[in-house]
Protein backbone atom coordinates (compact mmCIF):
# COMPACT_ATOMS: atom_id res chain seq x y z
CA UNK A 1 19.16 -5.47 2.59
CA UNK A 2 20.65 -4.78 -0.84
CA UNK A 3 23.71 -6.72 -2.34
CA UNK A 4 26.11 -5.63 -4.68
CA UNK A 5 28.59 -7.60 -6.83
CA UNK A 6 31.53 -5.07 -7.08
CA UNK A 7 32.17 -1.37 -6.65
CA UNK A 8 33.69 0.29 -9.47
CA UNK A 9 35.02 3.90 -8.54
CA UNK A 10 32.72 6.86 -9.87
CA UNK A 11 33.21 8.58 -13.32
CA UNK A 12 32.99 12.50 -13.79
CA UNK A 13 29.31 13.70 -14.01
CA UNK A 14 30.49 15.65 -17.18
CA UNK A 15 30.61 12.88 -19.37
CA UNK A 16 27.41 12.58 -21.69
CA UNK A 17 26.51 8.94 -21.89
CA UNK A 18 23.86 7.60 -24.14
CA UNK A 19 21.45 4.65 -23.45
CA UNK A 20 24.00 2.65 -25.25
CA UNK A 21 26.62 3.53 -22.73
CA UNK A 22 24.53 2.61 -20.01
CA UNK A 23 23.90 -0.73 -21.69
CA UNK A 24 27.75 -1.05 -22.26
CA UNK A 25 28.21 -0.59 -18.69
CA UNK A 26 25.78 -3.20 -17.89
CA UNK A 27 27.95 -5.76 -19.14
CA UNK A 28 29.79 -5.82 -16.12
CA UNK A 29 26.69 -7.35 -14.69
CA UNK A 30 26.73 -10.00 -17.53
CA UNK A 31 30.17 -10.80 -16.90
CA UNK A 32 29.49 -11.13 -13.03
CA UNK A 33 26.46 -13.64 -13.37
CA UNK A 34 27.68 -15.28 -16.33
CA UNK A 35 24.55 -14.56 -18.22
CA UNK A 36 24.76 -15.24 -21.86
CA UNK A 37 22.26 -12.99 -23.85
CA UNK A 38 21.73 -10.90 -20.76
CA UNK A 39 22.00 -7.75 -22.48
CA UNK A 40 19.41 -8.18 -25.05
CA UNK A 41 18.65 -4.15 -25.70
CA UNK A 42 15.67 -2.32 -24.41
CA UNK A 43 13.31 -0.93 -27.00
CA UNK A 44 13.41 2.88 -26.04
CA UNK A 45 16.35 5.34 -26.04
CA UNK A 46 17.46 7.21 -23.20
CA UNK A 47 18.63 10.40 -24.22
CA UNK A 48 21.85 12.05 -22.35
CA UNK A 49 21.39 15.08 -20.29
CA UNK A 50 18.16 15.75 -17.99
CA UNK A 51 14.99 17.11 -19.77
CA UNK A 52 13.46 20.45 -18.20
CA UNK A 53 9.79 20.56 -17.63
CA UNK A 54 7.13 21.72 -15.11
CA UNK A 55 6.82 18.42 -13.33
CA UNK A 56 8.78 17.59 -10.14
CA UNK A 57 8.95 15.17 -7.83
CA UNK A 58 6.83 15.85 -4.74
CA UNK A 59 8.98 16.78 -1.78
CA UNK A 60 6.70 14.69 0.69
CA UNK A 61 7.20 11.51 -1.32
CA UNK A 62 11.03 11.61 -1.14
CA UNK A 63 12.35 8.90 1.06
CA UNK A 64 15.67 7.21 1.58
CA UNK A 65 16.45 3.58 2.09
CA UNK A 66 18.36 3.50 5.48
CA UNK A 67 20.47 0.50 4.08
CA UNK A 68 22.46 3.62 2.77
CA UNK A 69 23.21 4.75 6.11
CA UNK A 70 23.79 1.46 7.81
CA UNK A 71 27.26 1.98 9.43
CA UNK A 72 26.40 5.60 10.41
CA UNK A 73 22.92 4.55 12.09
CA UNK A 74 24.75 1.66 13.93
CA UNK A 75 27.27 4.20 15.50
CA UNK A 76 24.76 6.96 16.25
CA UNK A 77 21.20 6.15 15.58
CA UNK A 78 19.48 9.27 16.88
CA UNK A 79 22.36 11.63 15.44
CA UNK A 80 22.00 10.22 11.99
CA UNK A 81 18.01 10.16 12.05
CA UNK A 82 18.33 13.87 13.11
CA UNK A 83 20.65 14.74 10.24
CA UNK A 84 18.07 13.14 7.78
CA UNK A 85 15.23 15.56 9.25
CA UNK A 86 17.53 18.49 8.83
CA UNK A 87 18.43 17.61 5.06
CA UNK A 88 14.43 17.81 4.53
CA UNK A 89 13.44 14.25 4.52
CA UNK A 90 10.01 13.24 6.18
CA UNK A 91 9.95 9.60 5.37
CA UNK A 92 12.29 6.85 5.41
CA UNK A 93 12.52 3.15 4.50
CA UNK A 94 13.74 1.01 7.03
CA UNK A 95 16.31 -1.84 6.42
CA UNK A 96 16.01 -3.42 10.08
CA UNK A 97 15.59 -1.60 13.64
CA UNK A 98 19.36 -1.20 14.09
CA UNK A 99 19.63 -3.55 17.22
CA UNK A 100 16.23 -2.06 18.70
CA UNK A 101 13.10 -3.28 19.08
CA UNK A 102 10.12 -2.18 16.55
CA UNK A 103 8.72 -0.03 19.36
CA UNK A 104 12.16 1.60 20.12
CA UNK A 105 12.79 2.35 16.57
CA UNK A 106 9.41 3.97 16.14
CA UNK A 107 10.47 6.09 19.26
CA UNK A 108 13.62 7.33 17.67
CA UNK A 109 12.02 7.97 14.69
CA UNK A 110 9.22 10.07 16.38
CA UNK A 111 12.01 11.83 18.04
CA UNK A 112 13.56 12.79 15.06
CA UNK A 113 10.18 13.59 13.43
CA UNK A 114 10.66 10.87 10.75
CA UNK A 115 8.45 8.30 9.75
CA UNK A 116 9.31 4.89 8.36
CA UNK A 117 6.54 4.50 5.62
CA UNK A 118 8.02 1.42 4.17
CA UNK A 119 10.36 -1.48 5.57
CA UNK A 120 12.55 -3.96 3.91
CA UNK A 121 11.66 -7.57 5.76
CA UNK A 122 12.16 -10.87 3.75
CA UNK A 123 9.38 -13.32 3.86
CA UNK A 124 10.17 -16.64 5.44
CA UNK A 125 11.66 -19.44 3.32
CA UNK A 126 10.00 -22.06 3.54
CA UNK A 127 7.00 -19.89 4.13
CA UNK A 128 5.43 -19.76 7.67
CA UNK A 129 2.35 -17.87 8.25
CA UNK A 130 3.01 -17.12 12.05
CA UNK A 131 6.62 -15.94 11.36
CA UNK A 132 5.42 -13.50 8.90
CA UNK A 133 2.35 -12.39 10.95
CA UNK A 134 4.98 -11.27 13.52
CA UNK A 135 6.98 -9.09 10.92
CA UNK A 136 3.74 -7.66 9.81
CA UNK A 137 2.95 -6.85 13.49
CA UNK A 138 6.28 -5.03 13.82
CA UNK A 139 5.69 -2.89 10.82
CA UNK A 140 2.40 -1.81 12.49
CA UNK A 141 4.19 -0.85 15.62
CA UNK A 142 6.72 1.16 13.09
CA UNK A 143 3.81 2.41 11.24
CA UNK A 144 4.78 1.36 8.23
CA UNK A 145 2.27 1.46 5.18
CA UNK A 146 4.28 -0.57 2.86
CA UNK A 147 6.53 -3.85 3.41
CA UNK A 148 8.80 -5.14 1.18
CA UNK A 149 10.70 -8.40 0.24
CA UNK A 150 14.33 -7.09 -0.27
CA UNK A 151 16.31 -9.86 -2.20
CA UNK A 152 15.98 -13.23 -4.25
CA UNK A 153 17.69 -15.16 -7.00
CA UNK A 154 20.69 -16.95 -5.94
CA UNK A 155 20.89 -20.56 -5.27
CA UNK A 156 22.68 -22.23 -2.34
CA UNK A 157 25.91 -22.36 -4.54
CA UNK A 158 25.72 -18.53 -4.83
CA UNK A 159 24.85 -18.77 -8.53
CA UNK A 160 22.01 -17.20 -10.31
CA UNK A 161 18.81 -19.21 -10.25
CA UNK A 162 17.91 -20.52 -13.52
CA UNK A 163 15.00 -22.96 -12.59
CA UNK A 164 11.58 -21.48 -13.63
CA UNK A 165 10.09 -23.54 -10.89
CA UNK A 166 11.95 -21.91 -8.22
CA UNK A 167 10.56 -18.61 -9.41
CA UNK A 168 7.26 -19.90 -9.75
CA UNK A 169 7.47 -21.04 -6.13
CA UNK A 170 8.28 -17.83 -4.91
CA UNK A 171 5.41 -16.03 -6.87
CA UNK A 172 3.28 -18.39 -4.72
CA UNK A 173 4.86 -17.34 -1.59
CA UNK A 174 4.75 -13.84 -2.48
CA UNK A 175 0.56 -14.07 -3.26
CA UNK A 176 0.42 -15.76 0.50
CA UNK A 177 2.63 -13.11 2.10
CA UNK A 178 0.61 -10.31 0.15
CA UNK A 179 -2.73 -11.68 1.32
CA UNK A 180 -1.75 -11.86 4.87
CA UNK A 181 -0.22 -8.03 4.65
CA UNK A 182 -3.38 -6.94 3.27
CA UNK A 183 -5.33 -8.56 6.23
CA UNK A 184 -2.84 -6.59 8.56
CA UNK A 185 -3.52 -3.46 6.70
CA UNK A 186 -0.38 -3.22 4.73
CA UNK A 187 0.81 -3.10 1.22
CA UNK A 188 3.23 -5.69 0.27
CA UNK A 189 6.02 -5.28 -2.50
CA UNK A 190 8.80 -6.63 -4.16
CA UNK A 191 12.33 -5.38 -4.67
CA UNK A 192 14.35 -6.39 -7.68
CA UNK A 193 17.93 -6.72 -8.45
CA UNK A 194 19.61 -7.72 -11.74
CA UNK A 195 19.33 -11.33 -11.06
CA UNK A 196 15.69 -11.71 -11.88
CA UNK A 197 16.54 -10.50 -15.15
CA UNK A 198 18.89 -13.11 -15.89
CA UNK A 199 17.64 -15.67 -18.70
CA UNK A 200 15.97 -18.92 -17.13
CA UNK A 201 16.16 -22.26 -18.85
CA UNK A 202 13.29 -22.15 -21.46
CA UNK A 203 13.97 -18.45 -22.22
CA UNK A 204 11.81 -16.46 -19.77
CA UNK A 205 13.02 -14.48 -16.81
CA UNK A 206 12.51 -14.63 -13.08
CA UNK A 207 10.93 -10.92 -13.30
CA UNK A 208 8.57 -11.98 -16.06
CA UNK A 209 7.27 -14.97 -13.85
CA UNK A 210 6.78 -12.78 -10.95
CA UNK A 211 5.01 -10.03 -12.71
CA UNK A 212 2.86 -12.65 -14.38
CA UNK A 213 2.00 -14.94 -11.68
CA UNK A 214 1.75 -12.64 -8.71
CA UNK A 215 -1.68 -11.03 -8.15
CA UNK A 216 -1.59 -7.28 -8.76
CA UNK A 217 -3.81 -6.62 -6.06
CA UNK A 218 -1.69 -8.08 -3.40
CA UNK A 219 2.13 -7.49 -4.75
CA UNK A 220 3.41 -4.45 -6.23
CA UNK A 221 6.94 -3.85 -7.30
CA UNK A 222 9.47 -1.65 -5.98
CA UNK A 223 11.57 -0.82 -8.88
CA UNK A 224 15.44 -0.32 -8.16
CA UNK A 225 16.35 1.92 -11.40
CA UNK A 226 20.18 0.88 -10.87
CA UNK A 227 19.79 -2.74 -10.64
CA UNK A 228 17.29 -2.68 -13.93
CA UNK A 229 19.68 -1.37 -15.88
CA UNK A 230 22.50 -3.66 -14.55
CA UNK A 231 20.18 -6.34 -15.75
CA UNK A 232 19.88 -4.70 -19.06
CA UNK A 233 16.50 -3.45 -18.87
CA UNK A 234 15.25 -0.25 -19.62
CA UNK A 235 13.17 0.84 -16.86
CA UNK A 236 10.79 2.62 -18.96
CA UNK A 237 10.00 -0.84 -20.55
CA UNK A 238 9.26 -2.26 -17.43
CA UNK A 239 7.01 0.31 -16.53
CA UNK A 240 4.83 0.04 -20.03
CA UNK A 241 4.61 -3.82 -19.11
CA UNK A 242 3.43 -3.29 -15.79
CA UNK A 243 1.25 -0.26 -15.59
CA UNK A 244 -0.06 0.79 -12.19
CA UNK A 245 2.29 -1.75 -10.31
CA UNK A 246 5.45 -0.11 -9.84
CA UNK A 247 4.35 2.10 -6.80
CA UNK A 248 7.82 2.71 -5.28
CA UNK A 249 11.28 3.20 -7.05
CA UNK A 250 15.02 3.19 -5.38
CA UNK A 251 16.60 5.79 -7.06
CA UNK A 252 19.98 5.05 -7.38
CA UNK A 253 22.56 6.28 -9.99
CA UNK A 254 25.05 4.21 -12.26
CA UNK A 255 28.42 5.31 -13.36
CA UNK A 256 29.65 4.42 -16.88
CA UNK A 257 31.51 1.59 -15.44
CA UNK A 258 28.50 -0.07 -13.71
CA UNK A 259 29.33 1.14 -10.58
CA UNK A 260 27.37 3.16 -7.85
CA UNK A 261 27.08 6.99 -7.84
CA UNK A 262 25.17 9.53 -6.20
CA UNK A 263 22.35 10.92 -7.77
CA UNK A 264 23.25 13.39 -10.80
CA UNK A 265 26.86 12.04 -11.08
CA UNK A 266 26.07 8.77 -12.99
CA UNK A 267 24.33 8.34 -16.34
CA UNK A 268 20.83 7.38 -15.37
CA UNK A 269 18.19 10.10 -16.90
CA UNK A 270 15.74 10.19 -14.32
CA UNK A 271 13.78 12.55 -15.68
CA UNK A 272 13.07 10.43 -18.35
CA UNK A 273 12.01 7.34 -16.40
CA UNK A 274 9.78 9.80 -13.66
CA UNK A 275 7.99 11.18 -16.89
CA UNK A 276 5.95 7.87 -16.84
CA UNK A 277 5.15 8.16 -13.00
CA UNK A 278 1.39 8.11 -13.49
CA UNK A 279 1.42 5.35 -15.75
CA UNK A 280 4.00 3.27 -13.20
CA UNK A 281 1.84 4.49 -10.29
CA UNK A 282 4.76 5.75 -8.31
CA UNK A 283 4.10 6.75 -4.72
CA UNK A 284 7.49 6.81 -3.33
CA UNK A 285 11.03 7.82 -4.71
CA UNK A 286 13.70 6.27 -2.51
CA UNK A 287 17.10 7.64 -2.43
CA UNK A 288 19.64 4.81 -2.22
CA UNK A 289 23.36 4.02 -2.65
CA UNK A 290 24.42 0.31 -1.50
CA UNK A 291 28.29 1.36 -0.85
CA UNK A 292 27.68 4.76 0.75
CA UNK A 293 29.39 4.06 3.89
CA UNK A 294 31.46 0.98 2.81
CA UNK A 295 35.47 1.27 2.64
CA UNK A 296 37.24 3.21 0.91
CA UNK A 297 34.20 5.38 1.57
CA UNK A 298 33.34 6.50 5.26
CA UNK A 299 30.03 6.21 7.17
CA UNK A 300 30.04 9.98 7.07
CA UNK A 301 30.10 9.86 3.36
CA UNK A 302 26.52 8.13 3.62
CA UNK A 303 25.24 11.70 4.80
CA UNK A 304 26.79 13.37 1.83
CA UNK A 305 24.88 10.75 -0.42
CA UNK A 306 21.70 11.41 1.26
CA UNK A 307 22.21 15.32 1.26
CA UNK A 308 22.82 15.28 -2.72
CA UNK A 309 20.18 12.69 -3.22
CA UNK A 310 17.22 14.54 -1.59
CA UNK A 311 18.52 17.89 -3.27
CA UNK A 312 18.76 16.29 -6.46
CA UNK A 313 15.10 14.80 -6.50
CA UNK A 314 13.82 18.07 -4.98
CA UNK A 315 15.37 20.41 -7.95
CA UNK A 316 14.49 17.82 -10.78
CA UNK A 317 12.49 19.09 -13.39
CA UNK A 318 11.04 16.84 -16.15
């Protein structure tokens, strides 16, 4: 469900990179979307290196977005799910049902001892109550607790949306989707990329509109930490501006050239962000890497990404 603009190669993890370096890496995003002024700097600094403290990520809240393993899952669904369970995962976030029905996918998860507590499912555009209710029914079959809209931000020509009216219309649809999700016993969230941070006509951003015009009781946010940095915003600032609404985070690392990296091999100081977990309201820490099984990497590399990600989060102290 996630989409990437490019995939620069990783850089050595030993190179210390400051907040300024992360923002400099994010200029790749600005160039890719042609967004003048996109790199207005966040207000807080991110020191290099991992802080050490007494707090830790609860192991039972570590998940993985299965988009990370899409090719491996397509080749061997039961074997891949079993491998995730052996790594230590107990929960996953689905990105579709890998060619199965919702019931068949649930059965495969049960066999592996996993639970899809969350899933990425796009809301219908234009919005259609009946179609969305069918998606909600599937989410309940799979036994999800959360359902998340995964992607928005480009117009029909592939350019970043600049019209604030489009985001205002989306906010209305998100509220509508959230209300129906609530009736179905599900929590509804929105997952960001960098496009929501592109300046709109008039000076605001899509993210500003979505956070201000959606009902906090109906719509939470699944903050993708990589894409937030790529949008030249500090996740800590986003958390402070949206207390209690960041219930899920996609934990995805950024290399010094603004490409993807396995957790701990990039430049993002996750401990600094997670120190604000209570302020944010984080309930799930979801490992992801968009290019984990895409050439030149092999599908099997995605399992290495999954293993490194779980071990990193389980051992992190902050």
